[in-house]
N, C-alpha and C. Protein backbone atom coordinates (compact mmCIF):
# COMPACT_ATOMS: atom_id res chain seq x y z
N MET A 1 -1.87 5.60 13.36
CA MET A 1 -2.45 4.66 12.83
C MET A 1 -3.43 4.88 12.03
N MET A 2 -3.61 5.52 10.50
CA MET A 2 -4.57 5.50 9.67
C MET A 2 -4.75 4.11 8.66
N LYS A 3 -5.72 4.13 8.19
CA LYS A 3 -6.02 3.51 7.16
C LYS A 3 -6.95 3.98 6.33
N PHE A 4 -6.41 3.13 5.39
CA PHE A 4 -7.52 4.23 3.98
C PHE A 4 -7.85 2.61 2.77
N LEU A 5 -8.95 3.00 1.62
CA LEU A 5 -8.77 1.84 0.98
C LEU A 5 -8.73 2.72 -0.51
N LEU A 6 -7.40 1.76 -1.59
CA LEU A 6 -6.88 2.19 -2.58
C LEU A 6 -8.12 1.55 -3.74
N ASN A 7 -8.98 1.51 -4.80
CA ASN A 7 -9.37 1.43 -5.96
C ASN A 7 -8.90 2.12 -7.32
N ALA A 8 -9.28 0.96 -8.06
CA ALA A 8 -8.51 1.53 -9.88
C ALA A 8 -9.91 1.56 -10.67
N ASP A 9 -10.02 2.55 -11.48
CA ASP A 9 -11.12 2.00 -12.73
C ASP A 9 -10.38 1.25 -13.64
N ARG A 10 -9.11 1.08 -13.55
CA ARG A 10 -8.33 0.55 -14.46
C ARG A 10 -6.88 0.18 -13.71
N ASP A 11 -6.67 -1.41 -15.23
CA ASP A 11 -4.84 -1.65 -14.42
C ASP A 11 -4.30 -0.95 -14.10
N MET A 12 -3.60 -1.04 -13.11
CA MET A 12 -2.17 -0.11 -12.67
C MET A 12 -1.59 -0.37 -11.53
N THR A 13 -0.51 -0.31 -11.18
CA THR A 13 0.64 -0.70 -10.00
C THR A 13 0.10 0.15 -8.80
N VAL A 14 0.60 -0.19 -7.87
CA VAL A 14 0.44 0.32 -6.52
C VAL A 14 2.21 0.06 -5.94
N VAL A 15 2.46 1.18 -6.13
CA VAL A 15 4.47 0.98 -5.30
C VAL A 15 4.40 1.37 -3.88
N PHE A 16 4.87 0.93 -3.03
CA PHE A 16 5.14 0.93 -1.80
C PHE A 16 5.85 1.76 -1.51
N GLU A 17 6.71 2.55 -1.01
CA GLU A 17 8.08 2.94 -0.56
C GLU A 17 7.72 3.17 0.40
N PRO A 18 9.35 3.03 1.42
CA PRO A 18 10.29 2.91 0.46
C PRO A 18 10.52 1.95 0.37
N THR A 19 9.83 0.46 0.65
CA THR A 19 10.77 -0.57 0.32
C THR A 19 10.57 -1.51 -1.27
N ALA A 20 10.11 0.27 -1.94
CA ALA A 20 9.19 -0.26 -3.80
C ALA A 20 8.88 -1.33 -4.33
N GLU A 21 8.15 -1.93 -3.31
CA GLU A 21 7.22 -3.34 -3.61
C GLU A 21 5.95 -3.29 -4.26
N GLU A 22 6.33 -3.18 -5.24
CA GLU A 22 4.82 -3.20 -6.81
C GLU A 22 3.85 -4.19 -6.01
N TYR A 23 2.85 -3.31 -6.53
CA TYR A 23 1.37 -4.60 -6.24
C TYR A 23 0.51 -4.15 -7.87
N ALA A 24 -0.42 -5.38 -8.04
CA ALA A 24 -0.51 -4.88 -9.81
C ALA A 24 -2.39 -4.72 -9.13
N LEU A 25 -2.81 -3.68 -9.49
CA LEU A 25 -4.46 -3.23 -8.38
C LEU A 25 -5.09 -3.27 -10.31
N SER A 26 -6.53 -4.37 -10.11
CA SER A 26 -6.80 -4.81 -11.25
C SER A 26 -8.56 -4.12 -10.98
N PRO A 27 -9.59 -3.31 -12.44
CA PRO A 27 -10.37 -2.77 -12.22
C PRO A 27 -11.42 -3.73 -10.48
N GLY A 28 -11.86 -2.69 -9.79
CA GLY A 28 -12.52 -3.21 -9.30
C GLY A 28 -12.21 -3.65 -7.93
N GLU A 29 -10.83 -4.38 -7.32
CA GLU A 29 -10.54 -4.75 -7.25
C GLU A 29 -9.78 -3.27 -6.11
N THR A 30 -9.99 -3.45 -4.28
CA THR A 30 -9.45 -2.77 -3.28
C THR A 30 -8.15 -3.31 -2.47
N ILE A 31 -7.27 -2.10 -1.85
CA ILE A 31 -6.49 -2.70 -1.31
C ILE A 31 -6.99 -1.75 0.02
N THR A 32 -6.36 -2.19 0.94
CA THR A 32 -7.14 -1.79 2.20
C THR A 32 -5.14 -1.62 2.67
N VAL A 33 -5.18 -0.31 3.18
CA VAL A 33 -3.68 0.19 3.82
C VAL A 33 -3.69 0.80 5.36
N GLN A 34 -3.06 0.37 5.54
CA GLN A 34 -3.03 1.31 7.39
C GLN A 34 -1.03 1.93 7.52
N TRP A 35 -1.14 2.39 7.83
CA TRP A 35 0.09 3.03 7.93
C TRP A 35 0.49 2.85 9.42
N TYR A 36 1.43 2.80 9.82
CA TYR A 36 2.35 2.80 11.78
C TYR A 36 3.25 3.57 11.74
N GLY A 37 3.77 4.24 12.78
CA GLY A 37 4.61 4.95 12.97
C GLY A 37 4.39 6.63 13.67
N PRO A 38 5.10 6.85 13.93
CA PRO A 38 4.86 8.47 14.58
C PRO A 38 4.81 9.76 14.14
N GLY A 39 5.12 9.55 12.17
CA GLY A 39 5.41 10.36 11.95
C GLY A 39 3.94 10.81 11.37
N GLU A 40 3.02 11.58 10.86
CA GLU A 40 2.11 11.86 10.04
C GLU A 40 1.91 12.43 8.86
N ASP A 41 2.97 12.20 8.05
CA ASP A 41 3.45 12.33 7.31
C ASP A 41 3.38 11.65 5.43
N GLY A 42 2.52 9.98 5.49
CA GLY A 42 2.23 9.50 4.72
C GLY A 42 1.60 10.45 3.81
N MET A 43 1.53 9.33 3.20
CA MET A 43 0.74 10.13 1.32
C MET A 43 0.90 9.42 0.52
N VAL A 44 -0.03 9.11 -0.21
CA VAL A 44 -0.41 8.67 -2.05
C VAL A 44 -0.62 9.18 -2.96
N SER A 45 0.01 8.77 -3.81
CA SER A 45 0.39 10.74 -5.43
C SER A 45 0.15 9.41 -6.27
N MET A 46 -0.44 10.15 -7.10
CA MET A 46 0.06 9.76 -8.60
C MET A 46 1.42 10.51 -9.87
N GLU A 47 1.74 8.97 -9.80
CA GLU A 47 3.32 9.45 -10.77
C GLU A 47 3.59 8.06 -11.38
N ASN A 48 3.11 8.78 -12.63
CA ASN A 48 3.08 8.30 -14.20
C ASN A 48 2.21 6.76 -14.27
N GLY A 49 0.38 8.03 -14.23
CA GLY A 49 -0.67 6.89 -13.80
C GLY A 49 -0.89 5.57 -12.83
N ASP A 50 0.14 6.08 -12.13
CA ASP A 50 0.57 4.46 -11.29
C ASP A 50 0.07 5.01 -9.35
N PHE A 51 -0.31 4.76 -8.50
CA PHE A 51 -0.54 4.96 -7.23
C PHE A 51 1.24 4.28 -6.61
N VAL A 52 1.62 5.35 -5.69
CA VAL A 52 2.44 5.62 -5.01
C VAL A 52 2.33 5.99 -3.34
N VAL A 53 2.50 5.11 -2.63
CA VAL A 53 1.82 4.23 -1.58
C VAL A 53 3.22 4.91 -0.47
N HIS A 54 3.09 6.39 0.30
CA HIS A 54 4.73 6.78 0.85
C HIS A 54 4.54 6.44 2.23
N ALA A 55 4.94 5.68 3.29
CA ALA A 55 4.42 5.51 4.53
C ALA A 55 5.00 6.13 5.54
N PRO A 56 4.44 7.18 6.48
CA PRO A 56 5.25 8.20 7.31
C PRO A 56 6.50 8.12 7.90
N THR A 57 7.21 8.68 7.82
CA THR A 57 8.95 9.01 8.52
C THR A 57 8.78 7.79 9.87
N ALA A 58 9.49 7.44 9.40
CA ALA A 58 9.80 6.57 10.69
C ALA A 58 8.97 5.39 11.13
N GLY A 59 8.13 5.05 9.79
CA GLY A 59 6.97 4.20 10.32
C GLY A 59 7.13 3.05 8.94
N HIS A 60 5.68 2.54 8.99
CA HIS A 60 5.76 1.36 7.25
C HIS A 60 4.28 1.25 7.42
N SER A 61 4.13 0.74 6.69
CA SER A 61 2.86 0.42 5.71
C SER A 61 2.70 -0.99 5.83
N ARG A 62 1.21 -1.87 6.29
CA ARG A 62 0.85 -2.87 6.26
C ARG A 62 -0.28 -2.66 4.79
N ALA A 63 -0.25 -3.20 3.63
CA ALA A 63 -1.25 -3.80 2.78
C ALA A 63 -2.03 -4.96 2.73
N TRP A 64 -3.47 -5.02 2.72
CA TRP A 64 -4.36 -6.58 2.28
C TRP A 64 -4.96 -6.42 0.62
N ARG A 65 -5.04 -7.69 0.50
CA ARG A 65 -5.66 -7.73 -0.76
C ARG A 65 -7.29 -7.10 -0.52
N SER A 66 -8.42 -7.77 -1.20
CA SER A 66 -9.83 -7.67 -1.92
C SER A 66 -10.40 -9.08 -0.58
N ASP A 67 -9.84 -9.76 -0.51
CA ASP A 67 -9.88 -11.12 0.23
C ASP A 67 -9.39 -11.36 0.76
N GLY A 68 -8.42 -10.11 1.83
CA GLY A 68 -8.02 -10.44 3.45
C GLY A 68 -6.97 -10.79 3.40
N VAL A 69 -6.13 -11.37 2.50
CA VAL A 69 -4.72 -11.72 2.25
C VAL A 69 -3.92 -10.43 2.14
N GLU A 70 -2.58 -10.36 2.76
CA GLU A 70 -1.69 -9.26 3.26
C GLU A 70 -0.92 -9.81 2.30
N ILE A 71 -0.51 -8.27 1.69
CA ILE A 71 0.15 -8.45 0.24
C ILE A 71 1.95 -7.70 1.12
N TYR A 72 2.57 -8.50 0.66
CA TYR A 72 4.09 -8.76 0.97
C TYR A 72 4.71 -7.28 0.91
N LEU A 73 4.90 -6.34 1.79
CA LEU A 73 5.24 -5.05 1.44
C LEU A 73 7.04 -4.75 2.49
N GLY A 74 7.89 -6.07 2.48
CA GLY A 74 8.80 -6.02 3.58
C GLY A 74 9.15 -6.51 4.86
N PRO A 75 10.24 -6.36 5.31
CA PRO A 75 10.07 -6.81 6.67
C PRO A 75 9.18 -6.68 7.22
N ASP A 76 8.35 -5.42 7.42
CA ASP A 76 7.72 -5.27 8.02
C ASP A 76 6.35 -5.70 8.12
N SER A 77 5.71 -6.25 7.35
CA SER A 77 4.41 -6.72 6.70
C SER A 77 4.55 -8.41 7.70
N GLY A 78 2.91 -8.91 8.03
CA GLY A 78 2.81 -9.50 8.61
C GLY A 78 3.26 -11.19 8.02
N PRO A 79 3.78 -11.79 9.37
CA PRO A 79 3.97 -13.28 8.75
C PRO A 79 2.82 -13.71 7.49
N ASP A 80 1.80 -13.44 7.22
CA ASP A 80 1.27 -14.21 6.72
C ASP A 80 0.92 -13.97 4.86
N ALA A 81 2.01 -12.51 4.66
CA ALA A 81 2.43 -11.86 3.70
C ALA A 81 2.62 -12.29 2.46
N GLN A 82 1.24 -12.82 1.65
CA GLN A 82 2.03 -13.13 0.29
C GLN A 82 2.59 -12.21 -0.52
């Protein structure tokens, strides 16, 4: 498991792969991302000015807004994800 924070100084989109779910990130807001799974090859990249979060091989991601509410990323998100 790996945990990290994303933040931005401008409006941008965060795309979560492999589910292609998108989240609009505003300046000053943070997203906490946690990876689960056996692989260690997950990565975050900048593509066309947006963050793209790639879950590790055979793994999945979960993410939470600054206020602690979980962001829906697909079927592996928690039951309270919005």
